[in-house]
Amino acid sequence: MKPNAIRTSIDLPRDLHRRLHEVAARKGTSARKIILAGIERAIEEPAVPRPERHLDLEANPLVPPAGRGIINLTNEEIYDLIEFP
């Protein structure tokens, strides 16, 4: 083990472990190098900005303007209006 390294362990599904070692053999490298490269890529990916979580009462068609009645919508109509993550 290298002096500036930390040993860790993870549990991999058997099939994933087998495929990892098959890919490493085909590429002529080690499973360790493939794992480290994957971790590096995941860390270097730019962070996706989280959308602001607020309800815009002016632009939201589900919120009726003051003084108006209730809006009757079907589930399908609601799903068409709402963006799910």
C-alpha atoms as a PDB file:
ATOM      1  CA  MET A   1       0.000   0.000   0.000  1.00  0.00           C
ATOM      2  CA  LYS A   2       1.245   3.472  -0.879  1.00  0.00           C
ATOM      3  CA  PRO A   3       2.163   5.755   2.055  1.00  0.00           C
ATOM      4  CA  ASN A   4      -0.394   8.438   1.102  1.00  0.00           C
ATOM      5  CA  ALA A   5      -3.269   6.015   0.562  1.00  0.00           C
ATOM      6  CA  ILE A   6      -6.226   4.871   2.623  1.00  0.00           C
ATOM      7  CA  ARG A   7      -7.534   1.330   2.348  1.00  0.00           C
ATOM      8  CA  THR A   8     -11.272   0.931   2.055  1.00  0.00           C
ATOM      9  CA  SER A   9     -13.637  -1.834   1.112  1.00  0.00           C
ATOM     10  CA  ILE A  10     -17.002  -2.040  -0.621  1.00  0.00           C
ATOM     11  CA  ASP A  11     -19.415  -4.863  -1.287  1.00  0.00           C
ATOM     12  CA  LEU A  12     -20.049  -5.394  -4.992  1.00  0.00           C
ATOM     13  CA  PRO A  13     -22.688  -7.589  -6.515  1.00  0.00           C
ATOM     14  CA  ARG A  14     -21.032 -10.770  -7.792  1.00  0.00           C
ATOM     15  CA  ASP A  15     -21.978 -10.095 -11.428  1.00  0.00           C
ATOM     16  CA  LEU A  16     -20.593  -6.534 -11.327  1.00  0.00           C
ATOM     17  CA  HIS A  17     -17.333  -7.790  -9.797  1.00  0.00           C
ATOM     18  CA  ARG A  18     -16.968 -10.392 -12.563  1.00  0.00           C
ATOM     19  CA  ARG A  19     -17.683  -7.844 -15.308  1.00  0.00           C
ATOM     20  CA  LEU A  20     -15.218  -5.368 -13.764  1.00  0.00           C
ATOM     21  CA  HIS A  21     -12.419  -7.938 -13.898  1.00  0.00           C
ATOM     22  CA  GLU A  22     -13.373  -8.964 -17.451  1.00  0.00           C
ATOM     23  CA  VAL A  23     -13.151  -5.337 -18.623  1.00  0.00           C
ATOM     24  CA  ALA A  24      -9.852  -4.865 -16.812  1.00  0.00           C
ATOM     25  CA  ALA A  25      -8.399  -7.947 -18.509  1.00  0.00           C
ATOM     26  CA  ARG A  26      -9.605  -6.792 -21.947  1.00  0.00           C
ATOM     27  CA  LYS A  27      -8.075  -3.356 -21.403  1.00  0.00           C
ATOM     28  CA  GLY A  28      -4.858  -4.777 -19.963  1.00  0.00           C
ATOM     29  CA  THR A  29      -5.214  -2.847 -16.730  1.00  0.00           C
ATOM     30  CA  SER A  30      -6.260  -3.544 -13.166  1.00  0.00           C
ATOM     31  CA  ALA A  31      -9.703  -3.375 -11.608  1.00  0.00           C
ATOM     32  CA  ARG A  32      -8.218  -0.902  -9.109  1.00  0.00           C
ATOM     33  CA  LYS A  33      -7.282   1.529 -11.892  1.00  0.00           C
ATOM     34  CA  ILE A  34     -10.755   1.297 -13.439  1.00  0.00           C
ATOM     35  CA  ILE A  35     -12.384   1.956 -10.052  1.00  0.00           C
ATOM     36  CA  LEU A  36     -10.088   4.923  -9.339  1.00  0.00           C
ATOM     37  CA  ALA A  37     -10.753   6.400 -12.804  1.00  0.00           C
ATOM     38  CA  GLY A  38     -14.507   6.093 -12.212  1.00  0.00           C
ATOM     39  CA  ILE A  39     -14.255   7.809  -8.844  1.00  0.00           C
ATOM     40  CA  GLU A  40     -12.140  10.604 -10.356  1.00  0.00           C
ATOM     41  CA  ARG A  41     -14.694  11.152 -13.142  1.00  0.00           C
ATOM     42  CA  ALA A  42     -17.553  11.278 -10.642  1.00  0.00           C
ATOM     43  CA  ILE A  43     -15.734  13.813  -8.478  1.00  0.00           C
ATOM     44  CA  GLU A  44     -14.669  16.013 -11.415  1.00  0.00           C
ATOM     45  CA  GLU A  45     -18.159  16.244 -12.931  1.00  0.00           C
ATOM     46  CA  PRO A  46     -19.512  19.756 -12.596  1.00  0.00           C
ATOM     47  CA  ALA A  47     -22.162  20.006  -9.945  1.00  0.00           C
ATOM     48  CA  VAL A  48     -25.646  20.326 -11.353  1.00  0.00           C
ATOM     49  CA  PRO A  49     -27.267  23.385  -9.804  1.00  0.00           C
ATOM     50  CA  ARG A  50     -30.300  22.499  -7.749  1.00  0.00           C
ATOM     51  CA  PRO A  51     -33.446  24.286  -8.821  1.00  0.00           C
ATOM     52  CA  GLU A  52     -34.912  26.754  -6.412  1.00  0.00           C
ATOM     53  CA  ARG A  53     -37.778  25.172  -4.520  1.00  0.00           C
ATOM     54  CA  HIS A  54     -40.457  27.805  -4.312  1.00  0.00           C
ATOM     55  CA  LEU A  55     -43.967  28.053  -5.567  1.00  0.00           C
ATOM     56  CA  ASP A  56     -44.533  30.903  -8.000  1.00  0.00           C
ATOM     57  CA  LEU A  57     -48.122  31.781  -7.227  1.00  0.00           C
ATOM     58  CA  GLU A  58     -48.403  34.094 -10.237  1.00  0.00           C
ATOM     59  CA  ALA A  59     -47.303  31.536 -12.831  1.00  0.00           C
ATOM     60  CA  ASN A  60     -48.739  28.366 -11.301  1.00  0.00           C
ATOM     61  CA  PRO A  61     -51.965  27.312 -13.029  1.00  0.00           C
ATOM     62  CA  LEU A  62     -52.902  25.085 -10.077  1.00  0.00           C
ATOM     63  CA  VAL A  63     -53.310  28.039  -7.724  1.00  0.00           C
ATOM     64  CA  PRO A  64     -56.487  29.967  -8.545  1.00  0.00           C
ATOM     65  CA  PRO A  65     -56.406  33.758  -8.328  1.00  0.00           C
ATOM     66  CA  ALA A  66     -57.990  35.215  -5.199  1.00  0.00           C
ATOM     67  CA  GLY A  67     -61.753  35.251  -5.253  1.00  0.00           C
ATOM     68  CA  ARG A  68     -62.117  32.418  -7.761  1.00  0.00           C
ATOM     69  CA  GLY A  69     -63.400  28.929  -7.142  1.00  0.00           C
ATOM     70  CA  ILE A  70     -61.719  25.574  -7.008  1.00  0.00           C
ATOM     71  CA  ILE A  71     -60.155  24.135 -10.150  1.00  0.00           C
ATOM     72  CA  ASN A  72     -61.220  20.583 -10.945  1.00  0.00           C
ATOM     73  CA  LEU A  73     -58.407  18.610 -12.570  1.00  0.00           C
ATOM     74  CA  THR A  74     -57.926  14.944 -13.313  1.00  0.00           C
ATOM     75  CA  ASN A  75     -54.755  13.161 -12.243  1.00  0.00           C
ATOM     76  CA  GLU A  76     -53.607  13.146 -15.873  1.00  0.00           C
ATOM     77  CA  GLU A  77     -54.044  16.925 -16.122  1.00  0.00           C
ATOM     78  CA  ILE A  78     -52.110  17.420 -12.888  1.00  0.00           C
ATOM     79  CA  TYR A  79     -49.216  15.248 -14.104  1.00  0.00           C
ATOM     80  CA  ASP A  80     -49.107  17.295 -17.329  1.00  0.00           C
ATOM     81  CA  LEU A  81     -48.745  20.526 -15.326  1.00  0.00           C
ATOM     82  CA  ILE A  82     -46.168  19.448 -12.738  1.00  0.00           C
ATOM     83  CA  GLU A  83     -42.491  18.793 -13.524  1.00  0.00           C
ATOM     84  CA  PHE A  84     -41.183  15.845 -11.579  1.00  0.00           C
ATOM     85  CA  PRO A  85     -37.426  15.531 -10.929  1.00  0.00           C
END
